[in-house]
């Protein structure tokens, strides 16, 4: 069946979702990487299915807010300074820059390499320092840029040197082989929790609802992680950018 015909067959979408769930039940570091050129239809189906699942994941929080069971959350992307940005500015930052950083931090190191772990550590350091120095976190490209980028570079170089120390690669290799499901799910959880600071009025009152608040991000991270392992890092980055970008184009 040609790619175009596959995309109008509901069974094809169901088969892609089954493949993702089969991987998520027990994530495997040794999963074979497939060229995206031979799987364009599968990637389109994964993207569509992922967006449908993400919309469904938003519903519980929307219902809690609708029935006043939870204080409405104010998203920095739609309120305050960021909310006043032009659509083009949002596309540049939230549609391109932020997805790239997210993938470098959370999905790049899923394939064990010294360099990928070091880059991930540097990106996470950038996130942390940005959180302390900038009210708008990574989206602010004007305040304390040298300190934030410098912290990332220094951390990446330090992590690279440490990871090349005698014995460290062997230990990490064993860890990834024996505990890759834990590594994978920690990356998913970290991605979800890392999105909490975007809510400017988050308080202890929201603590019981955190799993529901970050559910859309957990769903997205699960799918992006699968795509990263199955089709490669660049494909995961592009899919993340498209996912963010089309929402900005539609909703501004």
Foldseek 3Di string as FASTA:
>chain_A
DDLVVLLVDVVSLVVLVVVLVVCLVPPDLPAAADACVVVVSSLVSLLVVLVVVLVVLLVVVVVCVVVVVAPDFDFLCCDDPNVPDDLVLCLCQVLAVVLVLLLLQQQQPLNPDLLSVLLNQLSVQLQVVQVVFPLQGPSDCPTPNCVSNVSSVVSSVVSSVVCPPPPNVVVVVVCCRVPVSVSLLVSLVCQLVSSVSSGPPDDPRCVVVSCSNSRSSSSLSSSLNVCCSHHHSVSSSVSSSVVRSVCSVVVD
